[in-house]
C-alpha atoms as a PDB file:
ATOM      1  CA  UNK A   1     -50.507  -9.419   0.296  1.00  0.00           C
ATOM      2  CA  UNK A   2     -50.103 -10.111  -3.478  1.00  0.00           C
ATOM      3  CA  UNK A   3     -50.338  -7.091  -5.909  1.00  0.00           C
ATOM      4  CA  UNK A   4     -50.905  -7.458  -9.676  1.00  0.00           C
ATOM      5  CA  UNK A   5     -47.452  -5.907 -10.467  1.00  0.00           C
ATOM      6  CA  UNK A   6     -45.616  -8.473  -8.296  1.00  0.00           C
ATOM      7  CA  UNK A   7     -46.598 -11.395 -10.662  1.00  0.00           C
ATOM      8  CA  UNK A   8     -48.135  -9.923 -13.934  1.00  0.00           C
ATOM      9  CA  UNK A   9     -49.799 -12.198 -16.397  1.00  0.00           C
ATOM     10  CA  UNK A  10     -47.978 -11.950 -19.634  1.00  0.00           C
ATOM     11  CA  UNK A  11     -48.038 -13.318 -23.170  1.00  0.00           C
ATOM     12  CA  UNK A  12     -45.465 -13.581 -25.857  1.00  0.00           C
ATOM     13  CA  UNK A  13     -45.352 -11.320 -29.081  1.00  0.00           C
ATOM     14  CA  UNK A  14     -42.807 -10.981 -31.665  1.00  0.00           C
ATOM     15  CA  UNK A  15     -41.182  -7.481 -32.269  1.00  0.00           C
ATOM     16  CA  UNK A  16     -42.226  -6.393 -35.769  1.00  0.00           C
ATOM     17  CA  UNK A  17     -39.123  -4.633 -36.150  1.00  0.00           C
ATOM     18  CA  UNK A  18     -36.477  -7.246 -35.158  1.00  0.00           C
ATOM     19  CA  UNK A  19     -38.434 -10.397 -34.757  1.00  0.00           C
ATOM     20  CA  UNK A  20     -37.342 -10.996 -31.042  1.00  0.00           C
ATOM     21  CA  UNK A  21     -39.840 -12.813 -28.974  1.00  0.00           C
ATOM     22  CA  UNK A  22     -40.977 -10.609 -26.217  1.00  0.00           C
ATOM     23  CA  UNK A  23     -42.764 -11.038 -22.939  1.00  0.00           C
ATOM     24  CA  UNK A  24     -45.483  -8.542 -22.658  1.00  0.00           C
ATOM     25  CA  UNK A  25     -47.902  -7.957 -19.689  1.00  0.00           C
ATOM     26  CA  UNK A  26     -51.431  -8.655 -20.693  1.00  0.00           C
ATOM     27  CA  UNK A  27     -52.457  -4.955 -19.077  1.00  0.00           C
ATOM     28  CA  UNK A  28     -50.632  -3.440 -21.968  1.00  0.00           C
ATOM     29  CA  UNK A  29     -52.697  -5.096 -24.748  1.00  0.00           C
ATOM     30  CA  UNK A  30     -53.692  -2.274 -27.081  1.00  0.00           C
ATOM     31  CA  UNK A  31     -51.062   0.220 -25.799  1.00  0.00           C
ATOM     32  CA  UNK A  32     -47.872   1.232 -27.466  1.00  0.00           C
ATOM     33  CA  UNK A  33     -44.825  -0.754 -26.217  1.00  0.00           C
ATOM     34  CA  UNK A  34     -41.130  -0.852 -26.952  1.00  0.00           C
ATOM     35  CA  UNK A  35     -38.745  -3.623 -27.745  1.00  0.00           C
ATOM     36  CA  UNK A  36     -35.996  -3.778 -25.174  1.00  0.00           C
ATOM     37  CA  UNK A  37     -33.501  -5.085 -27.873  1.00  0.00           C
ATOM     38  CA  UNK A  38     -33.988  -2.954 -30.768  1.00  0.00           C
ATOM     39  CA  UNK A  39     -36.215  -0.055 -29.417  1.00  0.00           C
ATOM     40  CA  UNK A  40     -38.851  -0.440 -31.992  1.00  0.00           C
ATOM     41  CA  UNK A  41     -42.460   0.707 -30.961  1.00  0.00           C
ATOM     42  CA  UNK A  42     -45.533  -1.203 -31.755  1.00  0.00           C
ATOM     43  CA  UNK A  43     -49.138  -1.823 -30.433  1.00  0.00           C
ATOM     44  CA  UNK A  44     -49.163  -4.820 -28.078  1.00  0.00           C
ATOM     45  CA  UNK A  45     -51.818  -7.056 -29.867  1.00  0.00           C
ATOM     46  CA  UNK A  46     -53.707 -10.448 -29.282  1.00  0.00           C
ATOM     47  CA  UNK A  47     -51.861 -12.614 -31.752  1.00  0.00           C
ATOM     48  CA  UNK A  48     -54.837 -15.136 -31.056  1.00  0.00           C
ATOM     49  CA  UNK A  49     -57.142 -12.459 -32.492  1.00  0.00           C
ATOM     50  CA  UNK A  50     -57.595 -13.605 -36.304  1.00  0.00           C
ATOM     51  CA  UNK A  51     -59.098 -10.359 -37.503  1.00  0.00           C
ATOM     52  CA  UNK A  52     -57.151  -8.427 -40.217  1.00  0.00           C
ATOM     53  CA  UNK A  53     -57.821  -4.813 -39.219  1.00  0.00           C
ATOM     54  CA  UNK A  54     -55.172  -2.517 -41.070  1.00  0.00           C
ATOM     55  CA  UNK A  55     -53.045  -0.473 -38.804  1.00  0.00           C
ATOM     56  CA  UNK A  56     -53.809   3.191 -39.044  1.00  0.00           C
ATOM     57  CA  UNK A  57     -51.100   5.864 -38.076  1.00  0.00           C
ATOM     58  CA  UNK A  58     -52.217   9.496 -37.895  1.00  0.00           C
ATOM     59  CA  UNK A  59     -55.327   8.613 -39.687  1.00  0.00           C
ATOM     60  CA  UNK A  60     -53.550   6.940 -42.712  1.00  0.00           C
ATOM     61  CA  UNK A  61     -52.970   3.115 -43.197  1.00  0.00           C
ATOM     62  CA  UNK A  62     -49.591   2.147 -41.967  1.00  0.00           C
ATOM     63  CA  UNK A  63     -48.989   0.358 -45.547  1.00  0.00           C
ATOM     64  CA  UNK A  64     -49.355   3.611 -47.404  1.00  0.00           C
ATOM     65  CA  UNK A  65     -46.887   5.415 -44.880  1.00  0.00           C
ATOM     66  CA  UNK A  66     -44.371   2.789 -45.596  1.00  0.00           C
ATOM     67  CA  UNK A  67     -44.889   2.810 -49.342  1.00  0.00           C
ATOM     68  CA  UNK A  68     -44.239   6.531 -49.279  1.00  0.00           C
ATOM     69  CA  UNK A  69     -41.024   6.167 -47.048  1.00  0.00           C
ATOM     70  CA  UNK A  70     -39.714   3.627 -49.527  1.00  0.00           C
ATOM     71  CA  UNK A  71     -40.413   5.905 -52.469  1.00  0.00           C
ATOM     72  CA  UNK A  72     -38.868   9.095 -50.836  1.00  0.00           C
ATOM     73  CA  UNK A  73     -35.765   6.905 -49.889  1.00  0.00           C
ATOM     74  CA  UNK A  74     -35.481   5.517 -53.491  1.00  0.00           C
ATOM     75  CA  UNK A  75     -35.739   9.088 -54.867  1.00  0.00           C
ATOM     76  CA  UNK A  76     -32.940  10.154 -52.388  1.00  0.00           C
ATOM     77  CA  UNK A  77     -30.819   7.493 -53.497  1.00  0.00           C
ATOM     78  CA  UNK A  78     -31.537   7.980 -57.062  1.00  0.00           C
ATOM     79  CA  UNK A  79     -32.997   4.520 -57.808  1.00  0.00           C
ATOM     80  CA  UNK A  80     -36.360   2.999 -58.880  1.00  0.00           C
ATOM     81  CA  UNK A  81     -38.145   0.906 -55.991  1.00  0.00           C
ATOM     82  CA  UNK A  82     -39.083  -2.506 -57.042  1.00  0.00           C
END
């Protein structure tokens, strides 16, 4: 008897943190997964989906969170972000 976990259907997606090409099970689409290389976490997405839905984290767009972190880091270092 063959079970789904014996031979899972997978696709490839790049880790948005380190860029490594990862093999991800299709059943994990839409779920948070972690890169086995760098440990970066991200949502498994269908790379063939051409929609440009902004990522939202905690009710805020991810881009605003990144901008805020860059500004905080720059303030701690005493430099002006570009």
